[in-house]
C-alpha atoms as a PDB file:
ATOM      1  CA  MET A   1     134.349 125.897 124.389  1.00  0.00           C
ATOM      2  CA  LEU A   2     137.182 126.012 121.518  1.00  0.00           C
ATOM      3  CA  LEU A   3     135.701 127.223 118.168  1.00  0.00           C
ATOM      4  CA  LYS A   4     136.536 127.124 114.854  1.00  0.00           C
ATOM      5  CA  SER A   5     135.939 127.470 110.793  1.00  0.00           C
ATOM      6  CA  THR A   6     138.091 126.017 108.385  1.00  0.00           C
ATOM      7  CA  THR A   7     138.769 126.428 104.179  1.00  0.00           C
ATOM      8  CA  ARG A   8     140.958 125.635 101.914  1.00  0.00           C
ATOM      9  CA  HIS A   9     143.322 129.045 102.744  1.00  0.00           C
ATOM     10  CA  VAL A  10     141.391 130.322 105.405  1.00  0.00           C
ATOM     11  CA  ARG A  11     140.742 128.741 109.908  1.00  0.00           C
ATOM     12  CA  ILE A  12     139.564 130.848 112.627  1.00  0.00           C
ATOM     13  CA  TYR A  13     140.144 129.609 115.987  1.00  0.00           C
ATOM     14  CA  THR A  14     138.310 131.281 119.433  1.00  0.00           C
ATOM     15  CA  ALA A  15     141.457 131.115 120.825  1.00  0.00           C
ATOM     16  CA  GLU A  16     144.844 133.146 121.984  1.00  0.00           C
ATOM     17  CA  VAL A  17     148.331 131.300 120.326  1.00  0.00           C
ATOM     18  CA  ASN A  18     150.934 131.315 123.145  1.00  0.00           C
ATOM     19  CA  GLN A  19     154.441 129.258 122.915  1.00  0.00           C
ATOM     20  CA  ASN A  20     152.995 127.588 119.464  1.00  0.00           C
ATOM     21  CA  GLU A  21     150.074 126.094 121.543  1.00  0.00           C
ATOM     22  CA  LEU A  22     145.909 127.737 121.311  1.00  0.00           C
ATOM     23  CA  LEU A  23     144.160 128.470 124.315  1.00  0.00           C
ATOM     24  CA  GLU A  24     140.525 128.917 124.153  1.00  0.00           C
ATOM     25  CA  SER A  25     139.267 132.496 124.693  1.00  0.00           C
ATOM     26  CA  ASP A  26     135.874 133.489 123.923  1.00  0.00           C
ATOM     27  CA  LYS A  27     137.823 137.377 123.776  1.00  0.00           C
ATOM     28  CA  VAL A  28     140.317 136.571 121.158  1.00  0.00           C
ATOM     29  CA  LEU A  29     139.718 134.839 117.564  1.00  0.00           C
ATOM     30  CA  THR A  30     143.264 133.802 115.475  1.00  0.00           C
ATOM     31  CA  LEU A  31     143.521 134.196 111.814  1.00  0.00           C
ATOM     32  CA  ASP A  32     145.438 132.004 110.116  1.00  0.00           C
ATOM     33  CA  ILE A  33     146.079 132.568 106.568  1.00  0.00           C
ATOM     34  CA  ASP A  34     147.104 129.544 103.945  1.00  0.00           C
ATOM     35  CA  PRO A  35     148.599 127.603 106.547  1.00  0.00           C
ATOM     36  CA  ASP A  36     149.452 124.702 103.658  1.00  0.00           C
ATOM     37  CA  ASN A  37     151.271 127.404 101.522  1.00  0.00           C
ATOM     38  CA  GLU A  38     149.419 126.810  98.213  1.00  0.00           C
ATOM     39  CA  LEU A  39     149.702 130.727  97.507  1.00  0.00           C
ATOM     40  CA  ASN A  40     152.154 133.817  96.904  1.00  0.00           C
ATOM     41  CA  TRP A  41     151.882 135.829  99.477  1.00  0.00           C
ATOM     42  CA  ASN A  42     153.467 139.442 100.540  1.00  0.00           C
ATOM     43  CA  GLU A  43     153.648 142.164 103.237  1.00  0.00           C
ATOM     44  CA  ASP A  44     150.761 144.320 101.080  1.00  0.00           C
ATOM     45  CA  SER A  45     147.914 141.116 100.016  1.00  0.00           C
ATOM     46  CA  LEU A  46     148.571 139.291 103.709  1.00  0.00           C
ATOM     47  CA  GLN A  47     147.625 142.494 105.642  1.00  0.00           C
ATOM     48  CA  LYS A  48     145.066 143.558 102.965  1.00  0.00           C
ATOM     49  CA  VAL A  49     143.622 140.366 103.666  1.00  0.00           C
ATOM     50  CA  TYR A  50     143.936 141.291 108.236  1.00  0.00           C
ATOM     51  CA  ARG A  51     141.970 144.411 107.176  1.00  0.00           C
ATOM     52  CA  LYS A  52     139.336 142.552 105.768  1.00  0.00           C
ATOM     53  CA  PHE A  53     139.197 140.314 108.520  1.00  0.00           C
ATOM     54  CA  ASP A  54     138.738 142.695 111.004  1.00  0.00           C
ATOM     55  CA  ASP A  55     136.416 144.281 109.093  1.00  0.00           C
ATOM     56  CA  LEU A  56     134.131 141.649 109.142  1.00  0.00           C
ATOM     57  CA  VAL A  57     134.251 140.543 111.918  1.00  0.00           C
ATOM     58  CA  GLU A  58     133.684 144.211 112.824  1.00  0.00           C
ATOM     59  CA  SER A  59     130.337 143.959 110.850  1.00  0.00           C
ATOM     60  CA  TYR A  60     129.241 141.026 113.740  1.00  0.00           C
ATOM     61  CA  ASN A  61     129.645 142.725 117.027  1.00  0.00           C
ATOM     62  CA  GLY A  62     126.774 142.492 119.066  1.00  0.00           C
ATOM     63  CA  LEU A  63     126.168 139.012 117.372  1.00  0.00           C
ATOM     64  CA  ASP A  64     126.666 135.691 119.557  1.00  0.00           C
ATOM     65  CA  LEU A  65     129.731 134.170 118.416  1.00  0.00           C
ATOM     66  CA  THR A  66     129.025 130.824 117.263  1.00  0.00           C
ATOM     67  CA  GLU A  67     130.128 128.061 114.592  1.00  0.00           C
ATOM     68  CA  TYR A  68     127.961 129.522 111.893  1.00  0.00           C
ATOM     69  CA  ASN A  69     128.373 132.887 112.022  1.00  0.00           C
ATOM     70  CA  LEU A  70     132.661 132.715 111.990  1.00  0.00           C
ATOM     71  CA  ARG A  71     132.141 129.474 108.977  1.00  0.00           C
ATOM     72  CA  ARG A  72     130.226 132.479 107.386  1.00  0.00           C
ATOM     73  CA  ILE A  73     133.679 134.871 107.821  1.00  0.00           C
ATOM     74  CA  GLY A  74     135.599 132.089 107.046  1.00  0.00           C
ATOM     75  CA  SER A  75     133.595 131.648 103.518  1.00  0.00           C
ATOM     76  CA  ASP A  76     133.657 135.674 103.010  1.00  0.00           C
ATOM     77  CA  LEU A  77     137.746 135.759 103.431  1.00  0.00           C
ATOM     78  CA  GLU A  78     137.622 132.615 101.049  1.00  0.00           C
ATOM     79  CA  HIS A  79     135.778 134.933  98.636  1.00  0.00           C
ATOM     80  CA  PHE A  80     137.986 137.640  99.133  1.00  0.00           C
ATOM     81  CA  ILE A  81     140.532 136.271  98.298  1.00  0.00           C
ATOM     82  CA  ARG A  82     140.040 134.231  95.472  1.00  0.00           C
ATOM     83  CA  VAL A  83     138.878 137.418  93.967  1.00  0.00           C
ATOM     84  CA  MET A  84     142.639 138.392  94.570  1.00  0.00           C
ATOM     85  CA  LEU A  85     144.395 135.415  93.065  1.00  0.00           C
ATOM     86  CA  GLU A  86     142.631 136.537  89.663  1.00  0.00           C
ATOM     87  CA  LYS A  87     143.135 140.528  89.828  1.00  0.00           C
ATOM     88  CA  GLY A  88     146.921 138.785  89.709  1.00  0.00           C
ATOM     89  CA  GLU A  89     147.485 140.415  94.047  1.00  0.00           C
ATOM     90  CA  ILE A  90     148.819 137.063  94.528  1.00  0.00           C
ATOM     91  CA  SER A  91     149.422 133.711  92.819  1.00  0.00           C
ATOM     92  CA  TYR A  92     149.635 130.309  92.652  1.00  0.00           C
ATOM     93  CA  ASN A  93     153.102 128.741  95.021  1.00  0.00           C
ATOM     94  CA  LEU A  94     153.702 126.178  92.074  1.00  0.00           C
ATOM     95  CA  ASN A  95     156.343 124.894  94.343  1.00  0.00           C
ATOM     96  CA  SER A  96     153.747 123.665  96.952  1.00  0.00           C
ATOM     97  CA  ARG A  97     153.952 120.072  98.094  1.00  0.00           C
ATOM     98  CA  VAL A  98     149.959 120.129  97.162  1.00  0.00           C
ATOM     99  CA  LEU A  99     148.829 121.466  93.445  1.00  0.00           C
ATOM    100  CA  ASN A 100     145.195 121.821  93.950  1.00  0.00           C
ATOM    101  CA  TYR A 101     143.754 124.725  91.947  1.00  0.00           C
ATOM    102  CA  SER A 102     140.629 125.180  93.819  1.00  0.00           C
ATOM    103  CA  MET A 103     140.290 128.351  92.435  1.00  0.00           C
ATOM    104  CA  GLY A 104     141.290 128.669  89.037  1.00  0.00           C
ATOM    105  CA  LEU A 105     143.986 127.181  86.618  1.00  0.00           C
ATOM    106  CA  PRO A 106     146.915 129.688  87.008  1.00  0.00           C
ATOM    107  CA  GLN A 107     147.601 132.345  85.423  1.00  0.00           C
ATOM    108  CA  VAL A 108     150.768 132.240  83.396  1.00  0.00           C
ATOM    109  CA  VAL A 109     152.201 134.702  81.227  1.00  0.00           C
ATOM    110  CA  PRO A 110     154.488 133.525  78.646  1.00  0.00           C
ATOM    111  CA  PRO A 111     157.541 134.907  77.724  1.00  0.00           C
ATOM    112  CA  ALA A 112     157.970 138.270  75.189  1.00  0.00           C
ATOM    113  CA  GLY A 113     157.818 137.350  71.678  1.00  0.00           C
ATOM    114  CA  VAL A 114     155.590 133.813  71.924  1.00  0.00           C
ATOM    115  CA  GLU A 115     152.453 133.789  70.928  1.00  0.00           C
ATOM    116  CA  SER A 116     149.485 131.963  72.520  1.00  0.00           C
END
């Protein structure tokens, strides 16, 4: 049975991707980060999320693969992404089709010489 966890910026499936199709799997988890492109990512920040995902999955090693456990992993990743946003490691994509500041208002640095 296909299980999934969906948060605003994280989707996790018990499936493999094969030719752009999800194939159910009880051995593989697929992570889709920010499917709506609401955030600006660089390769380092993406890899940081993938490493955190791997660590979280490892922490559940030996436990049953349930929707509840997937939701916990998804929620932990969502929180991790929020911290990255607050630290300025990633930023909102102001050209996104949907501007939803679900993790707080964007940080805007004023131009040089302009005081706030």
